[in-house]
Structures are given as structure tokens and as C-alpha cells.
Amino acid sequence: MAKPSLREEQKRQTRAKLLDTARDLFVAQGYAAVRVDDIAAAVGCSRATFYLHFGGKQEVLQAIAEQGAAPSALHFYEDLDRVLDTGSRTEFAAWLARAIVWFEENKDLLPAWDEATALEPEFREIARQGILALPAAMTSYLARWPADRQDEARLRVELFVAQLERFFTRWAMQGTIDVTADAAVEVLADIWYPALRPGR
């Protein structure tokens, strides 16, 4: 493989700086408050240079998600597919505990993501496609449902994802649910382990 030219390397470094800086600004100020000019100024580049790399701040946030949270979320639901194959509530509860840790690791950027989803129609579609990708990654789970109930199977996964996200927002970010992580895992497992099992 050919070594990248100096120009290509500088371009790569500028893009990386834009991503890192935008992430810091989104975490500190939220999505709506941050402007393209703010990101460019914090990096020390021009607005024109920003637009050489990204079409706008929405594209930056999408790239940040694709860099970290989105692929790892997909991996989590591929792992859930494996866990549900075991038929073990204990394994499912352990998965929930790992999911809570994942949310903890990614929680700084979640408010900006939610803001962008509420404000940007294009971003809403990106978020929707991301949610749809989660049940699609659970091929073994879907295969256990009859053909005429595939939409129901997907909906169960989507509702499960929505409740996990909402619980985490209220518990870890807003502080409006007062419960230990262990207690939350047990209640969530009681609700969702039977709900995700294919009905007769």
C-alpha cells in the first residue's frame, strides 16, 4: 500500500481535528448552540476548509457516531441475538448490565444526538435507519418468528431499544429515576425477557 502524501496526511489530520473539536463542543453546548463557524474557529481553520470535509454540522455529528457509538451499538444487538439463543434469563440480565455500561460510556453525546434528531429531518431519517438496523442484525431471533409475525418481532426489538434509551436518559442523565443499576437490570429483565421470546 502506497504511503499517503503529505497533503493527504494533512487533510486526514484536519478532518480528525474537526471531528474531535465538534464532539467536544456538542458535549459542552449541545447540538443547536454549536455553529459551523464555532467548530472551524476552535480548530483554527476557515469555514471553507470545514466545508471541504463536511457538508454541515449534521454531517459531522453523523461521522462522530459512525466513528464510535453506532458500530458498537450494532455489535451489542448482534450479541443480544446470541444471548436470546441461549434461552437464559441470566445471560439476558448480564447483557442488560453490559448495555447500561455502554450507555454510560456514550452518554456525553446522547443529548446532542437527541437534539439533532428533533431539529433536523435528515438526521431523523438517519436515526430511524439506525434503529431499523438493530433488529435486522438479529437474524437468529427473527428466524424464530413465523413469517406473518416478522413485523411484530421487529417492533418488539424497537420498543425494547426505546425503553432502554428512555430509562437511561431519565436515570443517568436527568436523575428522575432513583434506582441502582442492579435493581434496574432485574426489573428490565423481568419485563423484557418474556416479551422478547417468540409467542406461541
Foldseek 3Di string as FASTA:
>chain_A
DDDDDPVVVVLVVLLVLLLVQLLVCCLVPAQPVDFLCNSCVVSVHDSVSSVVRDVTSLRSLVVNCVVPVLVVLLVLLLVVLVQLVVVDLVSVLVSLLVVLVSCVVVVSNVRNLVVCCVPPVVSVVVVVVSLQSSVVSNVNLLVVEDPVCSVVLSVLSSVLVVVSVVVSCCVVPVNNDDDDSSVVSVVSSVPNSVSNHHDD
